Amino acid sequence: FATITFSGITNYTDSVKGRFTISRDNAKKTVFLQMNNLRPEDTAVYF
């Protein structure tokens, strides 16, 4: 539902677009997911 390339290009599915934001810190080898305005249907295990 969210992807980010090494250079920072992002893509989202319609279900999360405008609510979720994916980002990364290449130095720390870490990816983040900021989730706002969460809905009950967002309940899931996130991988």
PDB file of all heavy atoms in Angstrom:
ATOM      1  N   PHE A   1       0.810  -1.206   0.000  1.00  0.00           N
ATOM      2  CA  PHE A   1       0.000   0.000   0.000  1.00  0.00           C
ATOM      3  C   PHE A   1       0.852   1.268   0.000  1.00  0.00           C
ATOM      4  O   PHE A   1       0.344   2.347  -0.274  1.00  0.00           O
ATOM      5  CB  PHE A   1      -0.987   0.014   1.179  1.00  0.00           C
ATOM      6  CG  PHE A   1      -0.351   0.028   2.539  1.00  0.00           C
ATOM      7  CD1 PHE A   1       0.140   1.202   3.089  1.00  0.00           C
ATOM      8  CD2 PHE A   1      -0.272  -1.133   3.296  1.00  0.00           C
ATOM      9  CE1 PHE A   1       0.718   1.229   4.344  1.00  0.00           C
ATOM     10  CE2 PHE A   1       0.297  -1.126   4.555  1.00  0.00           C
ATOM     11  CZ  PHE A   1       0.793   0.059   5.076  1.00  0.00           C
ATOM     12  N   ALA A   2       2.138   1.112   0.296  1.00  0.00           N
ATOM     13  CA  ALA A   2       3.050   2.252   0.271  1.00  0.00           C
ATOM     14  C   ALA A   2       4.440   1.760  -0.095  1.00  0.00           C
ATOM     15  O   ALA A   2       4.911   0.759   0.455  1.00  0.00           O
ATOM     16  CB  ALA A   2       3.088   2.975   1.614  1.00  0.00           C
ATOM     17  N   THR A   3       5.094   2.441  -1.026  1.00  0.00           N
ATOM     18  CA  THR A   3       6.444   2.076  -1.430  1.00  0.00           C
ATOM     19  C   THR A   3       7.305   3.336  -1.511  1.00  0.00           C
ATOM     20  O   THR A   3       6.799   4.440  -1.726  1.00  0.00           O
ATOM     21  CB  THR A   3       6.482   1.379  -2.804  1.00  0.00           C
ATOM     22  OG1 THR A   3       6.050   2.288  -3.822  1.00  0.00           O
ATOM     23  CG2 THR A   3       5.586   0.148  -2.811  1.00  0.00           C
ATOM     24  N   ILE A   4       8.605   3.138  -1.357  1.00  0.00           N
ATOM     25  CA  ILE A   4       9.538   4.255  -1.485  1.00  0.00           C
ATOM     26  C   ILE A   4      10.848   3.737  -2.063  1.00  0.00           C
ATOM     27  O   ILE A   4      11.407   2.755  -1.589  1.00  0.00           O
ATOM     28  CB  ILE A   4       9.756   4.974  -0.130  1.00  0.00           C
ATOM     29  CG1 ILE A   4      10.659   6.199  -0.310  1.00  0.00           C
ATOM     30  CG2 ILE A   4      10.311   4.016   0.923  1.00  0.00           C
ATOM     31  CD1 ILE A   4      10.655   7.118   0.905  1.00  0.00           C
ATOM     32  N   THR A   5      11.327   4.385  -3.112  1.00  0.00           N
ATOM     33  CA  THR A   5      12.586   4.001  -3.728  1.00  0.00           C
ATOM     34  C   THR A   5      13.750   4.536  -2.919  1.00  0.00           C
ATOM     35  O   THR A   5      13.576   5.317  -1.981  1.00  0.00           O
ATOM     36  CB  THR A   5      12.687   4.526  -5.168  1.00  0.00           C
ATOM     37  OG1 THR A   5      12.773   5.955  -5.144  1.00  0.00           O
ATOM     38  CG2 THR A   5      11.481   4.100  -5.998  1.00  0.00           C
ATOM     39  N   PHE A   6      14.955   4.123  -3.276  1.00  0.00           N
ATOM     40  CA  PHE A   6      16.146   4.590  -2.577  1.00  0.00           C
ATOM     41  C   PHE A   6      16.256   6.117  -2.646  1.00  0.00           C
ATOM     42  O   PHE A   6      16.686   6.756  -1.678  1.00  0.00           O
ATOM     43  CB  PHE A   6      17.397   3.954  -3.175  1.00  0.00           C
ATOM     44  CG  PHE A   6      18.668   4.374  -2.493  1.00  0.00           C
ATOM     45  CD1 PHE A   6      19.051   3.807  -1.284  1.00  0.00           C
ATOM     46  CD2 PHE A   6      19.487   5.342  -3.055  1.00  0.00           C
ATOM     47  CE1 PHE A   6      20.217   4.189  -0.648  1.00  0.00           C
ATOM     48  CE2 PHE A   6      20.662   5.740  -2.433  1.00  0.00           C
ATOM     49  CZ  PHE A   6      21.026   5.157  -1.224  1.00  0.00           C
ATOM     50  N   SER A   7      15.862   6.690  -3.772  1.00  0.00           N
ATOM     51  CA  SER A   7      15.962   8.129  -3.958  1.00  0.00           C
ATOM     52  C   SER A   7      14.794   8.895  -3.352  1.00  0.00           C
ATOM     53  O   SER A   7      14.787  10.125  -3.377  1.00  0.00           O
ATOM     54  CB  SER A   7      16.083   8.470  -5.442  1.00  0.00           C
ATOM     55  OG  SER A   7      14.941   8.056  -6.154  1.00  0.00           O
ATOM     56  N   GLY A   8      13.791   8.170  -2.823  1.00  0.00           N
ATOM     57  CA  GLY A   8      12.694   8.833  -2.139  1.00  0.00           C
ATOM     58  C   GLY A   8      11.406   8.994  -2.919  1.00  0.00           C
ATOM     59  O   GLY A   8      10.507   9.711  -2.464  1.00  0.00           O
ATOM     60  N   ILE A   9      11.279   8.359  -4.064  1.00  0.00           N
ATOM     61  CA  ILE A   9      10.037   8.418  -4.828  1.00  0.00           C
ATOM     62  C   ILE A   9       9.008   7.512  -4.166  1.00  0.00           C
ATOM     63  O   ILE A   9       9.273   6.336  -3.918  1.00  0.00           O
ATOM     64  CB  ILE A   9      10.254   7.999  -6.287  1.00  0.00           C
ATOM     65  CG1 ILE A   9      11.272   8.924  -6.958  1.00  0.00           C
ATOM     66  CG2 ILE A   9       8.939   8.005  -7.048  1.00  0.00           C
ATOM     67  CD1 ILE A   9      11.689   8.473  -8.338  1.00  0.00           C
ATOM     68  N   THR A  10       7.832   8.051  -3.888  1.00  0.00           N
ATOM     69  CA  THR A  10       6.802   7.309  -3.158  1.00  0.00           C
ATOM     70  C   THR A  10       5.588   7.004  -4.008  1.00  0.00           C
ATOM     71  O   THR A  10       5.283   7.716  -4.968  1.00  0.00           O
ATOM     72  CB  THR A  10       6.347   8.091  -1.918  1.00  0.00           C
ATOM     73  OG1 THR A  10       5.793   9.351  -2.321  1.00  0.00           O
ATOM     74  CG2 THR A  10       7.519   8.343  -0.981  1.00  0.00           C
ATOM     75  N   ASN A  11       4.881   5.934  -3.627  1.00  0.00           N
ATOM     76  CA  ASN A  11       3.624   5.554  -4.252  1.00  0.00           C
ATOM     77  C   ASN A  11       2.695   4.998  -3.186  1.00  0.00           C
ATOM     78  O   ASN A  11       3.142   4.347  -2.239  1.00  0.00           O
ATOM     79  CB  ASN A  11       3.834   4.515  -5.349  1.00  0.00           C
ATOM     80  CG  ASN A  11       4.264   5.117  -6.662  1.00  0.00           C
ATOM     81  OD1 ASN A  11       3.477   5.768  -7.335  1.00  0.00           O
ATOM     82  ND2 ASN A  11       5.519   4.915  -7.027  1.00  0.00           N
ATOM     83  N   TYR A  12       1.391   5.247  -3.348  1.00  0.00           N
ATOM     84  CA  TYR A  12       0.390   4.807  -2.403  1.00  0.00           C
ATOM     85  C   TYR A  12      -0.825   4.258  -3.133  1.00  0.00           C
ATOM     86  O   TYR A  12      -1.143   4.694  -4.235  1.00  0.00           O
ATOM     87  CB  TYR A  12      -0.082   5.954  -1.504  1.00  0.00           C
ATOM     88  CG  TYR A  12       0.997   6.672  -0.760  1.00  0.00           C
ATOM     89  CD1 TYR A  12       1.625   7.786  -1.306  1.00  0.00           C
ATOM     90  CD2 TYR A  12       1.386   6.244   0.507  1.00  0.00           C
ATOM     91  CE1 TYR A  12       2.616   8.452  -0.618  1.00  0.00           C
ATOM     92  CE2 TYR A  12       2.378   6.912   1.206  1.00  0.00           C
ATOM     93  CZ  TYR A  12       2.992   8.013   0.638  1.00  0.00           C
ATOM     94  OH  TYR A  12       3.972   8.672   1.337  1.00  0.00           O
ATOM     95  N   THR A  13      -1.521   3.321  -2.490  1.00  0.00           N
ATOM     96  CA  THR A  13      -2.809   2.896  -2.998  1.00  0.00           C
ATOM     97  C   THR A  13      -3.852   3.912  -2.559  1.00  0.00           C
ATOM     98  O   THR A  13      -3.634   4.688  -1.623  1.00  0.00           O
ATOM     99  CB  THR A  13      -3.195   1.506  -2.474  1.00  0.00           C
ATOM    100  OG1 THR A  13      -3.299   1.543  -1.048  1.00  0.00           O
ATOM    101  CG2 THR A  13      -2.168   0.463  -2.887  1.00  0.00           C
ATOM    102  N   ASP A  14      -5.003   3.905  -3.221  1.00  0.00           N
ATOM    103  CA  ASP A  14      -6.045   4.879  -2.925  1.00  0.00           C
ATOM    104  C   ASP A  14      -6.567   4.773  -1.491  1.00  0.00           C
ATOM    105  O   ASP A  14      -7.003   5.776  -0.914  1.00  0.00           O
ATOM    106  CB  ASP A  14      -7.211   4.723  -3.899  1.00  0.00           C
ATOM    107  CG  ASP A  14      -6.867   5.191  -5.298  1.00  0.00           C
ATOM    108  OD1 ASP A  14      -5.891   5.947  -5.459  1.00  0.00           O
ATOM    109  OD2 ASP A  14      -7.588   4.799  -6.241  1.00  0.00           O
ATOM    110  N   SER A  15      -6.528   3.586  -0.916  1.00  0.00           N
ATOM    111  CA  SER A  15      -7.075   3.391   0.417  1.00  0.00           C
ATOM    112  C   SER A  15      -6.319   4.160   1.499  1.00  0.00           C
ATOM    113  O   SER A  15      -6.885   4.453   2.557  1.00  0.00           O
ATOM    114  CB  SER A  15      -7.108   1.899   0.772  1.00  0.00           C
ATOM    115  OG  SER A  15      -5.798   1.357   0.822  1.00  0.00           O
ATOM    116  N   VAL A  16      -5.060   4.487   1.253  1.00  0.00           N
ATOM    117  CA  VAL A  16      -4.260   5.178   2.265  1.00  0.00           C
ATOM    118  C   VAL A  16      -3.763   6.542   1.812  1.00  0.00           C
ATOM    119  O   VAL A  16      -3.250   7.315   2.631  1.00  0.00           O
ATOM    120  CB  VAL A  16      -3.050   4.330   2.717  1.00  0.00           C
ATOM    121  CG1 VAL A  16      -3.497   2.947   3.167  1.00  0.00           C
ATOM    122  CG2 VAL A  16      -2.008   4.225   1.607  1.00  0.00           C
ATOM    123  N   LYS A  17      -3.916   6.851   0.545  1.00  0.00           N
ATOM    124  CA  LYS A  17      -3.424   8.109   0.003  1.00  0.00           C
ATOM    125  C   LYS A  17      -4.048   9.293   0.730  1.00  0.00           C
ATOM    126  O   LYS A  17      -5.255   9.358   0.919  1.00  0.00           O
ATOM    127  CB  LYS A  17      -3.710   8.184  -1.496  1.00  0.00           C
ATOM    128  CG  LYS A  17      -2.995   9.312  -2.221  1.00  0.00           C
ATOM    129  CD  LYS A  17      -3.217   9.208  -3.726  1.00  0.00           C
ATOM    130  CE  LYS A  17      -2.636   7.926  -4.288  1.00  0.00           C
ATOM    131  NZ  LYS A  17      -2.791   7.828  -5.760  1.00  0.00           N
ATOM    132  N   GLY A  18      -3.207  10.217   1.144  1.00  0.00           N
ATOM    133  CA  GLY A  18      -3.674  11.386   1.863  1.00  0.00           C
ATOM    134  C   GLY A  18      -3.715  11.202   3.362  1.00  0.00           C
ATOM    135  O   GLY A  18      -3.851  12.188   4.103  1.00  0.00           O
ATOM    136  N   ARG A  19      -3.619   9.974   3.833  1.00  0.00           N
ATOM    137  CA  ARG A  19      -3.648   9.683   5.269  1.00  0.00           C
ATOM    138  C   ARG A  19      -2.315   9.137   5.777  1.00  0.00           C
ATOM    139  O   ARG A  19      -1.912   9.444   6.898  1.00  0.00           O
ATOM    140  CB  ARG A  19      -4.748   8.673   5.595  1.00  0.00           C
ATOM    141  CG  ARG A  19      -6.151   9.142   5.240  1.00  0.00           C
ATOM    142  CD  ARG A  19      -7.206   8.168   5.767  1.00  0.00           C
ATOM    143  NE  ARG A  19      -7.060   6.836   5.193  1.00  0.00           N
ATOM    144  CZ  ARG A  19      -6.874   5.721   5.914  1.00  0.00           C
ATOM    145  NH1 ARG A  19      -6.814   5.787   7.241  1.00  0.00           N
ATOM    146  NH2 ARG A  19      -6.771   4.541   5.307  1.00  0.00           N
ATOM    147  N   PHE A  20      -1.658   8.321   4.968  1.00  0.00           N
ATOM    148  CA  PHE A  20      -0.392   7.704   5.351  1.00  0.00           C
ATOM    149  C   PHE A  20       0.757   8.348   4.582  1.00  0.00           C
ATOM    150  O   PHE A  20       0.606   8.741   3.424  1.00  0.00           O
ATOM    151  CB  PHE A  20      -0.387   6.204   5.042  1.00  0.00           C
ATOM    152  CG  PHE A  20      -1.335   5.377   5.863  1.00  0.00           C
ATOM    153  CD1 PHE A  20      -2.243   5.946   6.733  1.00  0.00           C
ATOM    154  CD2 PHE A  20      -1.306   3.990   5.747  1.00  0.00           C
ATOM    155  CE1 PHE A  20      -3.116   5.169   7.480  1.00  0.00           C
ATOM    156  CE2 PHE A  20      -2.169   3.203   6.486  1.00  0.00           C
ATOM    157  CZ  PHE A  20      -3.077   3.789   7.352  1.00  0.00           C
ATOM    158  N   THR A  21       1.918   8.409   5.218  1.00  0.00           N
ATOM    159  CA  THR A  21       3.114   8.937   4.584  1.00  0.00           C
ATOM    160  C   THR A  21       4.290   8.007   4.853  1.00  0.00           C
ATOM    161  O   THR A  21       4.599   7.705   6.007  1.00  0.00           O
ATOM    162  CB  THR A  21       3.458  10.345   5.097  1.00  0.00           C
ATOM    163  OG1 THR A  21       2.370  11.232   4.862  1.00  0.00           O
ATOM    164  CG2 THR A  21       4.695  10.875   4.380  1.00  0.00           C
ATOM    165  N   ILE A  22       4.941   7.551   3.788  1.00  0.00           N
ATOM    166  CA  ILE A  22       6.121   6.710   3.917  1.00  0.00           C
ATOM    167  C   ILE A  22       7.360   7.582   3.729  1.00  0.00           C
ATOM    168  O   ILE A  22       7.381   8.475   2.888  1.00  0.00           O
ATOM    169  CB  ILE A  22       6.095   5.544   2.903  1.00  0.00           C
ATOM    170  CG1 ILE A  22       7.249   4.571   3.159  1.00  0.00           C
ATOM    171  CG2 ILE A  22       6.112   6.047   1.469  1.00  0.00           C
ATOM    172  CD1 ILE A  22       7.160   3.289   2.320  1.00  0.00           C
ATOM    173  N   SER A  23       8.384   7.326   4.528  1.00  0.00           N
ATOM    174  CA  SER A  23       9.634   8.061   4.424  1.00  0.00           C
ATOM    175  C   SER A  23      10.781   7.134   4.814  1.00  0.00           C
ATOM    176  O   SER A  23      10.550   6.020   5.285  1.00  0.00           O
ATOM    177  CB  SER A  23       9.617   9.312   5.316  1.00  0.00           C
ATOM    178  OG  SER A  23       9.447   8.964   6.679  1.00  0.00           O
ATOM    179  N   ARG A  24      12.016   7.587   4.618  1.00  0.00           N
ATOM    180  CA  ARG A  24      13.154   6.735   4.961  1.00  0.00           C
ATOM    181  C   ARG A  24      14.354   7.552   5.362  1.00  0.00           C
ATOM    182  O   ARG A  24      14.491   8.731   5.009  1.00  0.00           O
ATOM    183  CB  ARG A  24      13.506   5.805   3.789  1.00  0.00           C
ATOM    184  CG  ARG A  24      13.982   6.514   2.528  1.00  0.00           C
ATOM    185  CD  ARG A  24      14.098   5.518   1.369  1.00  0.00           C
ATOM    186  NE  ARG A  24      15.155   4.547   1.591  1.00  0.00           N
ATOM    187  CZ  ARG A  24      15.269   3.399   0.923  1.00  0.00           C
ATOM    188  NH1 ARG A  24      14.371   3.072   0.001  1.00  0.00           N
ATOM    189  NH2 ARG A  24      16.281   2.576   1.183  1.00  0.00           N
ATOM    190  N   ASP A  25      15.234   6.903   6.111  1.00  0.00           N
ATOM    191  CA  ASP A  25      16.510   7.471   6.516  1.00  0.00           C
ATOM    192  C   ASP A  25      17.560   6.471   6.052  1.00  0.00           C
ATOM    193  O   ASP A  25      17.760   5.433   6.684  1.00  0.00           O
ATOM    194  CB  ASP A  25      16.567   7.663   8.032  1.00  0.00           C
ATOM    195  CG  ASP A  25      17.837   8.340   8.501  1.00  0.00           C
ATOM    196  OD1 ASP A  25      18.877   8.218   7.823  1.00  0.00           O
ATOM    197  OD2 ASP A  25      17.805   8.998   9.560  1.00  0.00           O
ATOM    198  N   ASN A  26      18.211   6.771   4.940  1.00  0.00           N
ATOM    199  CA  ASN A  26      19.154   5.820   4.361  1.00  0.00           C
ATOM    200  C   ASN A  26      20.373   5.573   5.248  1.00  0.00           C
ATOM    201  O   ASN A  26      20.910   4.471   5.275  1.00  0.00           O
ATOM    202  CB  ASN A  26      19.600   6.302   2.976  1.00  0.00           C
ATOM    203  CG  ASN A  26      18.500   6.205   1.943  1.00  0.00           C
ATOM    204  OD1 ASN A  26      17.577   5.400   2.082  1.00  0.00           O
ATOM    205  ND2 ASN A  26      18.586   7.015   0.902  1.00  0.00           N
ATOM    206  N   ALA A  27      20.815   6.592   5.957  1.00  0.00           N
ATOM    207  CA  ALA A  27      21.960   6.437   6.841  1.00  0.00           C
ATOM    208  C   ALA A  27      21.664   5.443   7.962  1.00  0.00           C
ATOM    209  O   ALA A  27      22.549   4.710   8.405  1.00  0.00           O
ATOM    210  CB  ALA A  27      22.378   7.780   7.428  1.00  0.00           C
ATOM    211  N   LYS A  28      20.410   5.427   8.423  1.00  0.00           N
ATOM    212  CA  LYS A  28      20.008   4.531   9.500  1.00  0.00           C
ATOM    213  C   LYS A  28      19.354   3.254   8.982  1.00  0.00           C
ATOM    214  O   LYS A  28      18.947   2.407   9.778  1.00  0.00           O
ATOM    215  CB  LYS A  28      19.058   5.243  10.455  1.00  0.00           C
ATOM    216  CG  LYS A  28      19.696   6.411  11.188  1.00  0.00           C
ATOM    217  CD  LYS A  28      18.714   7.055  12.157  1.00  0.00           C
ATOM    218  CE  LYS A  28      19.364   8.183  12.918  1.00  0.00           C
ATOM    219  NZ  LYS A  28      18.416   8.838  13.855  1.00  0.00           N
ATOM    220  N   LYS A  29      19.251   3.125   7.652  1.00  0.00           N
ATOM    221  CA  LYS A  29      18.640   1.949   7.029  1.00  0.00           C
ATOM    222  C   LYS A  29      17.257   1.684   7.610  1.00  0.00           C
ATOM    223  O   LYS A  29      16.907   0.556   7.967  1.00  0.00           O
ATOM    224  CB  LYS A  29      19.543   0.721   7.178  1.00  0.00           C
ATOM    225  CG  LYS A  29      20.884   0.860   6.481  1.00  0.00           C
ATOM    226  CD  LYS A  29      21.720  -0.396   6.648  1.00  0.00           C
ATOM    227  CE  LYS A  29      23.008  -0.316   5.844  1.00  0.00           C
ATOM    228  NZ  LYS A  29      23.884   0.787   6.294  1.00  0.00           N
ATOM    229  N   THR A  30      16.473   2.732   7.676  1.00  0.00           N
ATOM    230  CA  THR A  30      15.166   2.677   8.312  1.00  0.00           C
ATOM    231  C   THR A  30      14.085   3.286   7.426  1.00  0.00           C
ATOM    232  O   THR A  30      14.319   4.294   6.751  1.00  0.00           O
ATOM    233  CB  THR A  30      15.191   3.421   9.657  1.00  0.00           C
ATOM    234  OG1 THR A  30      16.181   2.839  10.508  1.00  0.00           O
ATOM    235  CG2 THR A  30      13.843   3.342  10.349  1.00  0.00           C
ATOM    236  N   VAL A  31      12.910   2.668   7.437  1.00  0.00           N
ATOM    237  CA  VAL A  31      11.746   3.207   6.762  1.00  0.00           C
ATOM    238  C   VAL A  31      10.689   3.502   7.815  1.00  0.00           C
ATOM    239  O   VAL A  31      10.580   2.779   8.812  1.00  0.00           O
ATOM    240  CB  VAL A  31      11.199   2.242   5.686  1.00  0.00           C
ATOM    241  CG1 VAL A  31      10.713   0.935   6.306  1.00  0.00           C
ATOM    242  CG2 VAL A  31      10.084   2.905   4.884  1.00  0.00           C
ATOM    243  N   PHE A  32       9.923   4.574   7.603  1.00  0.00           N
ATOM    244  CA  PHE A  32       8.894   4.978   8.538  1.00  0.00           C
ATOM    245  C   PHE A  32       7.535   5.001   7.845  1.00  0.00           C
ATOM    246  O   PHE A  32       7.445   5.136   6.635  1.00  0.00           O
ATOM    247  CB  PHE A  32       9.178   6.378   9.098  1.00  0.00           C
ATOM    248  CG  PHE A  32      10.518   6.514   9.747  1.00  0.00           C
ATOM    249  CD1 PHE A  32      11.600   7.019   9.039  1.00  0.00           C
ATOM    250  CD2 PHE A  32      10.706   6.148  11.071  1.00  0.00           C
ATOM    251  CE1 PHE A  32      12.842   7.152   9.636  1.00  0.00           C
ATOM    252  CE2 PHE A  32      11.942   6.274  11.677  1.00  0.00           C
ATOM    253  CZ  PHE A  32      13.014   6.778  10.961  1.00  0.00           C
ATOM    254  N   LEU A  33       6.497   4.896   8.636  1.00  0.00           N
ATOM    255  CA  LEU A  33       5.138   5.036   8.133  1.00  0.00           C
ATOM    256  C   LEU A  33       4.345   5.865   9.126  1.00  0.00           C
ATOM    257  O   LEU A  33       4.055   5.400  10.228  1.00  0.00           O
ATOM    258  CB  LEU A  33       4.470   3.672   7.939  1.00  0.00           C
ATOM    259  CG  LEU A  33       3.054   3.726   7.360  1.00  0.00           C
ATOM    260  CD1 LEU A  33       3.103   4.161   5.890  1.00  0.00           C
ATOM    261  CD2 LEU A  33       2.366   2.375   7.483  1.00  0.00           C
ATOM    262  N   GLN A  34       4.014   7.085   8.735  1.00  0.00           N
ATOM    263  CA  GLN A  34       3.172   7.945   9.552  1.00  0.00           C
ATOM    264  C   GLN A  34       1.728   7.711   9.135  1.00  0.00           C
ATOM    265  O   GLN A  34       1.377   7.929   7.978  1.00  0.00           O
ATOM    266  CB  GLN A  34       3.541   9.415   9.369  1.00  0.00           C
ATOM    267  CG  GLN A  34       2.684  10.388  10.166  1.00  0.00           C
ATOM    268  CD  GLN A  34       2.866  10.226  11.655  1.00  0.00           C
ATOM    269  OE1 GLN A  34       3.988  10.135  12.135  1.00  0.00           O
ATOM    270  NE2 GLN A  34       1.764  10.187  12.386  1.00  0.00           N
ATOM    271  N   MET A  35       0.897   7.273  10.066  1.00  0.00           N
ATOM    272  CA  MET A  35      -0.497   6.963   9.789  1.00  0.00           C
ATOM    273  C   MET A  35      -1.388   7.936  10.544  1.00  0.00           C
ATOM    274  O   MET A  35      -1.380   7.964  11.773  1.00  0.00           O
ATOM    275  CB  MET A  35      -0.833   5.526  10.184  1.00  0.00           C
ATOM    276  CG  MET A  35       0.048   4.486   9.502  1.00  0.00           C
ATOM    277  SD  MET A  35      -0.472   2.791   9.879  1.00  0.00           S
ATOM    278  CE  MET A  35      -0.044   2.722  11.624  1.00  0.00           C
ATOM    279  N   ASN A  36      -2.153   8.730   9.807  1.00  0.00           N
ATOM    280  CA  ASN A  36      -3.069   9.699  10.394  1.00  0.00           C
ATOM    281  C   ASN A  36      -4.501   9.355  10.028  1.00  0.00           C
ATOM    282  O   ASN A  36      -4.753   8.649   9.055  1.00  0.00           O
ATOM    283  CB  ASN A  36      -2.744  11.109   9.907  1.00  0.00           C
ATOM    284  CG  ASN A  36      -1.368  11.577  10.303  1.00  0.00           C
ATOM    285  OD1 ASN A  36      -0.876  11.244  11.380  1.00  0.00           O
ATOM    286  ND2 ASN A  36      -0.733  12.365   9.439  1.00  0.00           N
ATOM    287  N   ASN A  37      -5.446   9.885  10.804  1.00  0.00           N
ATOM    288  CA  ASN A  37      -6.870   9.657  10.563  1.00  0.00           C
ATOM    289  C   ASN A  37      -7.173   8.176  10.357  1.00  0.00           C
ATOM    290  O   ASN A  37      -7.814   7.773   9.388  1.00  0.00           O
ATOM    291  CB  ASN A  37      -7.338  10.466   9.351  1.00  0.00           C
ATOM    292  CG  ASN A  37      -8.843  10.529   9.229  1.00  0.00           C
ATOM    293  OD1 ASN A  37      -9.567  10.374  10.214  1.00  0.00           O
ATOM    294  ND2 ASN A  37      -9.337  10.745   8.015  1.00  0.00           N
ATOM    295  N   LEU A  38      -6.717   7.372  11.293  1.00  0.00           N
ATOM    296  CA  LEU A  38      -6.889   5.925  11.187  1.00  0.00           C
ATOM    297  C   LEU A  38      -8.355   5.516  11.270  1.00  0.00           C
ATOM    298  O   LEU A  38      -9.146   6.141  11.973  1.00  0.00           O
ATOM    299  CB  LEU A  38      -6.087   5.221  12.274  1.00  0.00           C
ATOM    300  CG  LEU A  38      -4.582   5.163  12.011  1.00  0.00           C
ATOM    301  CD1 LEU A  38      -3.815   4.889  13.293  1.00  0.00           C
ATOM    302  CD2 LEU A  38      -4.282   4.092  10.964  1.00  0.00           C
ATOM    303  N   ARG A  39      -8.687   4.470  10.547  1.00  0.00           N
ATOM    304  CA  ARG A  39     -10.038   3.928  10.485  1.00  0.00           C
ATOM    305  C   ARG A  39     -10.048   2.490  10.983  1.00  0.00           C
ATOM    306  O   ARG A  39      -9.025   1.807  10.920  1.00  0.00           O
ATOM    307  CB  ARG A  39     -10.551   3.955   9.041  1.00  0.00           C
ATOM    308  CG  ARG A  39     -10.498   5.319   8.381  1.00  0.00           C
ATOM    309  CD  ARG A  39     -10.650   5.194   6.883  1.00  0.00           C
ATOM    310  NE  ARG A  39     -10.622   6.480   6.211  1.00  0.00           N
ATOM    311  CZ  ARG A  39     -10.526   6.645   4.906  1.00  0.00           C
ATOM    312  NH1 ARG A  39     -10.447   5.582   4.105  1.00  0.00           N
ATOM    313  NH2 ARG A  39     -10.506   7.860   4.389  1.00  0.00           N
ATOM    314  N   PRO A  40     -11.190   1.992  11.470  1.00  0.00           N
ATOM    315  CA  PRO A  40     -11.252   0.595  11.916  1.00  0.00           C
ATOM    316  C   PRO A  40     -10.795  -0.392  10.847  1.00  0.00           C
ATOM    317  O   PRO A  40     -10.186  -1.414  11.179  1.00  0.00           O
ATOM    318  CB  PRO A  40     -12.731   0.400  12.263  1.00  0.00           C
ATOM    319  CG  PRO A  40     -13.170   1.755  12.704  1.00  0.00           C
ATOM    320  CD  PRO A  40     -12.448   2.703  11.780  1.00  0.00           C
ATOM    321  N   GLU A  41     -11.066  -0.101   9.591  1.00  0.00           N
ATOM    322  CA  GLU A  41     -10.658  -0.995   8.517  1.00  0.00           C
ATOM    323  C   GLU A  41      -9.145  -1.015   8.290  1.00  0.00           C
ATOM    324  O   GLU A  41      -8.646  -1.831   7.510  1.00  0.00           O
ATOM    325  CB  GLU A  41     -11.378  -0.651   7.200  1.00  0.00           C
ATOM    326  CG  GLU A  41     -11.258   0.800   6.787  1.00  0.00           C
ATOM    327  CD  GLU A  41     -12.458   1.624   7.193  1.00  0.00           C
ATOM    328  OE1 GLU A  41     -12.945   1.451   8.320  1.00  0.00           O
ATOM    329  OE2 GLU A  41     -12.919   2.445   6.365  1.00  0.00           O
ATOM    330  N   ASP A  42      -8.416  -0.130   8.964  1.00  0.00           N
ATOM    331  CA  ASP A  42      -6.959  -0.155   8.910  1.00  0.00           C
ATOM    332  C   ASP A  42      -6.369  -1.193   9.857  1.00  0.00           C
ATOM    333  O   ASP A  42      -5.162  -1.437   9.831  1.00  0.00           O
ATOM    334  CB  ASP A  42      -6.376   1.216   9.255  1.00  0.00           C
ATOM    335  CG  ASP A  42      -6.683   2.276   8.217  1.00  0.00           C
ATOM    336  OD1 ASP A  42      -6.629   1.959   7.008  1.00  0.00           O
ATOM    337  OD2 ASP A  42      -6.962   3.421   8.611  1.00  0.00           O
ATOM    338  N   THR A  43      -7.203  -1.788  10.697  1.00  0.00           N
ATOM    339  CA  THR A  43      -6.734  -2.799  11.637  1.00  0.00           C
ATOM    340  C   THR A  43      -6.106  -3.968  10.878  1.00  0.00           C
ATOM    341  O   THR A  43      -6.735  -4.575  10.019  1.00  0.00           O
ATOM    342  CB  THR A  43      -7.887  -3.313  12.513  1.00  0.00           C
ATOM    343  OG1 THR A  43      -8.356  -2.253  13.349  1.00  0.00           O
ATOM    344  CG2 THR A  43      -7.430  -4.465  13.396  1.00  0.00           C
ATOM    345  N   ALA A  44      -4.862  -4.270  11.205  1.00  0.00           N
ATOM    346  CA  ALA A  44      -4.118  -5.313  10.503  1.00  0.00           C
ATOM    347  C   ALA A  44      -2.742  -5.468  11.131  1.00  0.00           C
ATOM    348  O   ALA A  44      -2.318  -4.649  11.945  1.00  0.00           O
ATOM    349  CB  ALA A  44      -3.964  -4.962   9.024  1.00  0.00           C
ATOM    350  N   VAL A  45      -2.061  -6.529  10.732  1.00  0.00           N
ATOM    351  CA  VAL A  45      -0.644  -6.658  11.031  1.00  0.00           C
ATOM    352  C   VAL A  45       0.097  -5.978   9.890  1.00  0.00           C
ATOM    353  O   VAL A  45      -0.144  -6.283   8.722  1.00  0.00           O
ATOM    354  CB  VAL A  45      -0.205  -8.127  11.155  1.00  0.00           C
ATOM    355  CG1 VAL A  45       1.306  -8.215  11.389  1.00  0.00           C
ATOM    356  CG2 VAL A  45      -0.959  -8.808  12.288  1.00  0.00           C
ATOM    357  N   TYR A  46       0.972  -5.063  10.228  1.00  0.00           N
ATOM    358  CA  TYR A  46       1.701  -4.298   9.227  1.00  0.00           C
ATOM    359  C   TYR A  46       3.111  -4.863   9.061  1.00  0.00           C
ATOM    360  O   TYR A  46       3.849  -5.027  10.028  1.00  0.00           O
ATOM    361  CB  TYR A  46       1.756  -2.824   9.627  1.00  0.00           C
ATOM    362  CG  TYR A  46       0.449  -2.114   9.365  1.00  0.00           C
ATOM    363  CD1 TYR A  46      -0.691  -2.426  10.100  1.00  0.00           C
ATOM    364  CD2 TYR A  46       0.354  -1.160   8.355  1.00  0.00           C
ATOM    365  CE1 TYR A  46      -1.896  -1.808   9.836  1.00  0.00           C
ATOM    366  CE2 TYR A  46      -0.856  -0.526   8.094  1.00  0.00           C
ATOM    367  CZ  TYR A  46      -1.979  -0.856   8.836  1.00  0.00           C
ATOM    368  OH  TYR A  46      -3.173  -0.230   8.576  1.00  0.00           O
ATOM    369  N   PHE A  47       3.463  -5.170   7.811  1.00  0.00           N
ATOM    370  CA  PHE A  47       4.735  -5.795   7.488  1.00  0.00           C
ATOM    371  C   PHE A  47       5.629  -4.869   6.673  1.00  0.00           C
ATOM    372  O   PHE A  47       5.172  -4.225   5.732  1.00  0.00           O
ATOM    373  CB  PHE A  47       4.530  -7.075   6.677  1.00  0.00           C
ATOM    374  CG  PHE A  47       3.848  -8.185   7.421  1.00  0.00           C
ATOM    375  CD1 PHE A  47       2.473  -8.316   7.387  1.00  0.00           C
ATOM    376  CD2 PHE A  47       4.588  -9.100   8.148  1.00  0.00           C
ATOM    377  CE1 PHE A  47       1.832  -9.343   8.058  1.00  0.00           C
ATOM    378  CE2 PHE A  47       3.970 -10.135   8.830  1.00  0.00           C
ATOM    379  CZ  PHE A  47       2.590 -10.252   8.787  1.00  0.00           C
TER     380      PHE A  47
END
